[in-house]
N, C-alpha and C. Protein backbone atom coordinates (compact mmCIF):
# COMPACT_ATOMS: atom_id res chain seq x y z
N MET A 1 0.85 -1.18 0.00
CA MET A 1 0.00 0.00 0.00
C MET A 1 0.89 1.24 0.00
N LEU A 2 0.60 2.19 -0.81
CA LEU A 2 1.36 3.43 -0.90
C LEU A 2 0.77 4.49 0.01
N ARG A 3 1.65 5.22 0.63
CA ARG A 3 1.19 6.33 1.47
C ARG A 3 1.35 7.63 0.69
N ARG A 4 0.40 8.47 0.81
CA ARG A 4 0.50 9.78 0.17
C ARG A 4 1.32 10.70 1.05
N ARG A 5 2.18 11.44 0.42
CA ARG A 5 2.96 12.42 1.17
C ARG A 5 2.20 13.74 1.15
N HIS A 6 2.10 14.34 2.28
CA HIS A 6 1.35 15.59 2.41
C HIS A 6 2.29 16.77 2.59
N ASN A 7 3.36 16.82 1.82
CA ASN A 7 4.32 17.91 1.93
C ASN A 7 3.70 19.26 1.67
N CYS A 8 2.75 19.32 0.75
CA CYS A 8 2.15 20.62 0.43
C CYS A 8 1.35 21.16 1.62
N LEU A 9 0.89 20.29 2.51
CA LEU A 9 0.13 20.73 3.67
C LEU A 9 1.02 21.15 4.83
N GLN A 10 2.26 20.66 4.87
CA GLN A 10 3.12 20.92 6.00
C GLN A 10 4.32 21.78 5.65
N ARG A 11 4.26 22.46 4.57
CA ARG A 11 5.40 23.25 4.12
C ARG A 11 5.35 24.63 4.78
N TYR A 12 6.50 25.08 5.26
CA TYR A 12 6.62 26.39 5.89
C TYR A 12 7.55 27.27 5.08
N SER A 13 7.38 28.57 5.22
CA SER A 13 8.35 29.53 4.70
C SER A 13 9.25 29.90 5.86
N VAL A 14 10.57 29.79 5.66
CA VAL A 14 11.53 30.05 6.73
C VAL A 14 12.34 31.30 6.38
N PHE A 15 12.36 32.25 7.30
CA PHE A 15 13.12 33.49 7.14
C PHE A 15 14.05 33.66 8.32
N LEU A 16 15.20 34.27 8.09
CA LEU A 16 16.15 34.56 9.16
C LEU A 16 16.24 36.07 9.33
N GLU A 17 16.13 36.52 10.58
CA GLU A 17 16.37 37.93 10.85
C GLU A 17 17.86 38.21 10.65
N LYS A 18 18.20 39.46 10.44
CA LYS A 18 19.57 39.85 10.18
C LYS A 18 20.52 39.38 11.28
N ARG A 19 20.10 39.52 12.52
CA ARG A 19 20.91 39.10 13.67
C ARG A 19 21.19 37.60 13.62
N ALA A 20 20.16 36.81 13.32
CA ALA A 20 20.32 35.35 13.26
C ALA A 20 21.24 34.96 12.10
N LEU A 21 21.14 35.66 10.99
CA LEU A 21 22.00 35.37 9.85
C LEU A 21 23.46 35.64 10.19
N LYS A 22 23.73 36.72 10.89
CA LYS A 22 25.10 37.03 11.31
C LYS A 22 25.62 35.98 12.29
N GLN A 23 24.77 35.53 13.21
CA GLN A 23 25.17 34.50 14.16
C GLN A 23 25.48 33.20 13.43
N LEU A 24 24.69 32.87 12.43
CA LEU A 24 24.90 31.66 11.65
C LEU A 24 26.20 31.73 10.86
N GLU A 25 26.50 32.89 10.29
CA GLU A 25 27.71 33.06 9.49
C GLU A 25 28.98 32.93 10.33
N LYS A 26 28.91 33.22 11.62
CA LYS A 26 30.08 33.14 12.50
C LYS A 26 30.43 31.70 12.90
N LEU A 27 29.52 30.77 12.68
CA LEU A 27 29.74 29.39 13.10
C LEU A 27 30.66 28.65 12.14
N GLY A 28 31.20 27.54 12.62
CA GLY A 28 32.03 26.69 11.78
C GLY A 28 31.21 26.04 10.68
N VAL A 29 31.89 25.57 9.66
CA VAL A 29 31.23 25.01 8.49
C VAL A 29 30.35 23.80 8.86
N ASN A 30 30.85 22.91 9.71
CA ASN A 30 30.08 21.71 10.07
C ASN A 30 28.79 22.05 10.79
N VAL A 31 28.89 22.90 11.79
CA VAL A 31 27.70 23.28 12.57
C VAL A 31 26.72 24.04 11.68
N ARG A 32 27.25 24.96 10.88
CA ARG A 32 26.40 25.75 9.99
C ARG A 32 25.63 24.85 9.03
N SER A 33 26.29 23.87 8.45
CA SER A 33 25.61 22.98 7.49
C SER A 33 24.56 22.13 8.18
N ARG A 34 24.81 21.70 9.42
CA ARG A 34 23.79 20.93 10.17
C ARG A 34 22.57 21.78 10.47
N ILE A 35 22.78 23.05 10.81
CA ILE A 35 21.67 23.95 11.10
C ILE A 35 20.87 24.23 9.84
N ILE A 36 21.55 24.47 8.73
CA ILE A 36 20.86 24.74 7.46
C ILE A 36 20.06 23.51 7.03
N GLU A 37 20.63 22.32 7.21
CA GLU A 37 19.91 21.10 6.88
C GLU A 37 18.65 20.96 7.74
N ALA A 38 18.75 21.27 9.03
CA ALA A 38 17.58 21.20 9.91
C ALA A 38 16.51 22.21 9.50
N LEU A 39 16.93 23.40 9.08
CA LEU A 39 15.97 24.41 8.63
C LEU A 39 15.29 23.97 7.33
N HIS A 40 16.00 23.25 6.48
CA HIS A 40 15.39 22.71 5.26
C HIS A 40 14.35 21.65 5.61
N ILE A 41 14.65 20.81 6.59
CA ILE A 41 13.67 19.81 7.04
C ILE A 41 12.43 20.51 7.60
N LEU A 42 12.65 21.55 8.40
CA LEU A 42 11.52 22.31 8.96
C LEU A 42 10.69 22.91 7.83
N ARG A 43 11.36 23.48 6.84
CA ARG A 43 10.66 24.09 5.70
C ARG A 43 9.84 23.06 4.93
N ASP A 44 10.45 21.89 4.67
CA ASP A 44 9.81 20.89 3.80
C ASP A 44 8.82 19.98 4.51
N GLU A 45 9.12 19.64 5.78
CA GLU A 45 8.30 18.65 6.49
C GLU A 45 7.53 19.22 7.67
N GLY A 46 7.78 20.47 8.03
CA GLY A 46 7.11 21.05 9.19
C GLY A 46 7.70 20.53 10.49
N PHE A 47 6.90 20.43 11.51
CA PHE A 47 7.35 19.98 12.82
C PHE A 47 7.52 18.46 12.79
N SER A 48 8.58 18.01 12.18
CA SER A 48 8.85 16.60 11.96
C SER A 48 9.41 15.96 13.22
N ARG A 49 9.23 14.66 13.34
CA ARG A 49 9.83 13.92 14.45
C ARG A 49 11.35 13.86 14.32
N ARG A 50 11.85 14.13 13.14
CA ARG A 50 13.30 14.13 12.90
C ARG A 50 13.98 15.31 13.58
N LEU A 51 13.19 16.31 13.97
CA LEU A 51 13.74 17.51 14.60
C LEU A 51 13.38 17.55 16.08
N ASP A 52 14.27 18.11 16.87
CA ASP A 52 14.03 18.27 18.31
C ASP A 52 13.52 19.69 18.54
N ILE A 53 12.21 19.86 18.44
CA ILE A 53 11.58 21.18 18.59
C ILE A 53 10.73 21.17 19.85
N VAL A 54 10.89 22.23 20.65
CA VAL A 54 10.11 22.37 21.88
C VAL A 54 9.58 23.80 21.95
N LYS A 55 8.33 23.93 22.36
CA LYS A 55 7.74 25.25 22.56
C LYS A 55 8.37 25.88 23.78
N LEU A 56 8.68 27.18 23.69
CA LEU A 56 9.27 27.89 24.82
C LEU A 56 8.18 28.29 25.80
N ARG A 57 8.40 28.01 27.07
CA ARG A 57 7.42 28.37 28.10
C ARG A 57 7.33 29.88 28.25
N GLY A 58 6.13 30.35 28.46
CA GLY A 58 5.92 31.77 28.70
C GLY A 58 5.78 32.60 27.44
N TYR A 59 5.86 31.95 26.28
CA TYR A 59 5.72 32.65 25.00
C TYR A 59 4.63 31.96 24.19
N LYS A 60 3.90 32.76 23.44
CA LYS A 60 2.76 32.22 22.71
C LYS A 60 3.17 31.39 21.50
N ASN A 61 4.04 31.90 20.65
CA ASN A 61 4.37 31.23 19.40
C ASN A 61 5.87 31.07 19.19
N GLN A 62 6.63 30.90 20.26
CA GLN A 62 8.08 30.80 20.11
C GLN A 62 8.56 29.40 20.47
N TYR A 63 9.53 28.93 19.69
CA TYR A 63 10.02 27.57 19.81
C TYR A 63 11.54 27.56 19.75
N ARG A 64 12.12 26.41 20.14
CA ARG A 64 13.55 26.24 19.98
C ARG A 64 13.79 24.92 19.25
N LEU A 65 14.80 24.94 18.41
CA LEU A 65 15.22 23.77 17.66
C LEU A 65 16.63 23.44 18.13
N ARG A 66 16.83 22.21 18.62
CA ARG A 66 18.14 21.81 19.13
C ARG A 66 18.94 21.12 18.04
N ILE A 67 20.14 21.62 17.81
CA ILE A 67 21.09 20.99 16.90
C ILE A 67 22.41 20.89 17.64
N GLY A 68 22.69 19.74 18.24
CA GLY A 68 23.91 19.57 19.02
C GLY A 68 23.93 20.52 20.20
N ASP A 69 25.01 21.30 20.31
CA ASP A 69 25.15 22.27 21.40
C ASP A 69 24.56 23.63 21.05
N TYR A 70 23.88 23.74 19.92
CA TYR A 70 23.32 25.02 19.48
C TYR A 70 21.80 24.99 19.51
N ARG A 71 21.23 26.16 19.69
CA ARG A 71 19.78 26.32 19.71
C ARG A 71 19.39 27.35 18.66
N VAL A 72 18.40 27.00 17.85
CA VAL A 72 17.83 27.92 16.88
C VAL A 72 16.49 28.35 17.47
N LEU A 73 16.36 29.62 17.78
CA LEU A 73 15.13 30.14 18.37
C LEU A 73 14.31 30.78 17.25
N PHE A 74 13.04 30.40 17.19
CA PHE A 74 12.20 30.93 16.11
C PHE A 74 10.78 31.17 16.58
N GLU A 75 10.10 31.98 15.79
CA GLU A 75 8.71 32.33 16.06
C GLU A 75 7.86 31.81 14.91
N LEU A 76 6.73 31.22 15.26
CA LEU A 76 5.77 30.75 14.27
C LEU A 76 4.76 31.86 14.04
N ARG A 77 4.67 32.32 12.81
CA ARG A 77 3.76 33.41 12.47
C ARG A 77 2.64 32.89 11.57
N PRO A 78 1.61 33.71 11.36
CA PRO A 78 0.49 33.27 10.51
C PRO A 78 0.95 32.88 9.10
N GLU A 79 0.12 32.13 8.44
CA GLU A 79 0.35 31.67 7.08
C GLU A 79 1.59 30.79 6.97
N ARG A 80 1.80 29.95 7.99
CA ARG A 80 2.86 28.95 8.00
C ARG A 80 4.23 29.57 7.74
N THR A 81 4.51 30.64 8.46
CA THR A 81 5.78 31.34 8.34
C THR A 81 6.58 31.15 9.61
N VAL A 82 7.86 30.80 9.45
CA VAL A 82 8.79 30.64 10.56
C VAL A 82 9.84 31.74 10.43
N VAL A 83 10.04 32.50 11.51
CA VAL A 83 11.06 33.55 11.52
C VAL A 83 12.09 33.20 12.59
N VAL A 84 13.31 32.91 12.14
CA VAL A 84 14.41 32.58 13.05
C VAL A 84 14.99 33.89 13.56
N TYR A 85 15.03 34.07 14.89
CA TYR A 85 15.55 35.31 15.44
C TYR A 85 16.87 35.13 16.19
N ALA A 86 17.32 33.89 16.42
CA ALA A 86 18.60 33.68 17.09
C ALA A 86 19.15 32.29 16.79
N VAL A 87 20.47 32.22 16.63
CA VAL A 87 21.21 30.96 16.52
C VAL A 87 22.34 31.06 17.51
N LEU A 88 22.20 30.36 18.66
CA LEU A 88 23.12 30.57 19.77
C LEU A 88 23.59 29.25 20.37
N PRO A 89 24.76 29.28 21.02
CA PRO A 89 25.17 28.09 21.79
C PRO A 89 24.21 27.89 22.96
N ARG A 90 24.05 26.69 23.41
CA ARG A 90 23.11 26.39 24.48
C ARG A 90 23.32 27.24 25.71
N LYS A 91 24.57 27.46 26.10
CA LYS A 91 24.88 28.23 27.30
C LYS A 91 24.32 29.64 27.26
N VAL A 92 24.26 30.22 26.08
CA VAL A 92 23.81 31.61 25.91
C VAL A 92 22.32 31.71 25.61
N ALA A 93 21.76 30.68 24.99
CA ALA A 93 20.39 30.74 24.48
C ALA A 93 19.34 30.95 25.55
N TYR A 94 19.59 30.41 26.75
CA TYR A 94 18.57 30.51 27.80
C TYR A 94 19.03 31.50 28.81
């Protein structure tokens, strides 16, 4: 039996704020590529089980994505839009 893929229903638009882009550019090549790969999964598959995403307490639409020792902090906005506002080491993120 074939399963239908519902990618069109779970697709997000992912944007990085200027600050997050600068933080991402400062990282090493390996970490940067892992983070970009995770953002592509988020864009294509949505809140997939392949990603470690947790809602931040005390905030309405803010989440964190864990990639090794780094945290990608983002906000979920209307019309399936994700805005990344920080890419930080775990020690600094919280």
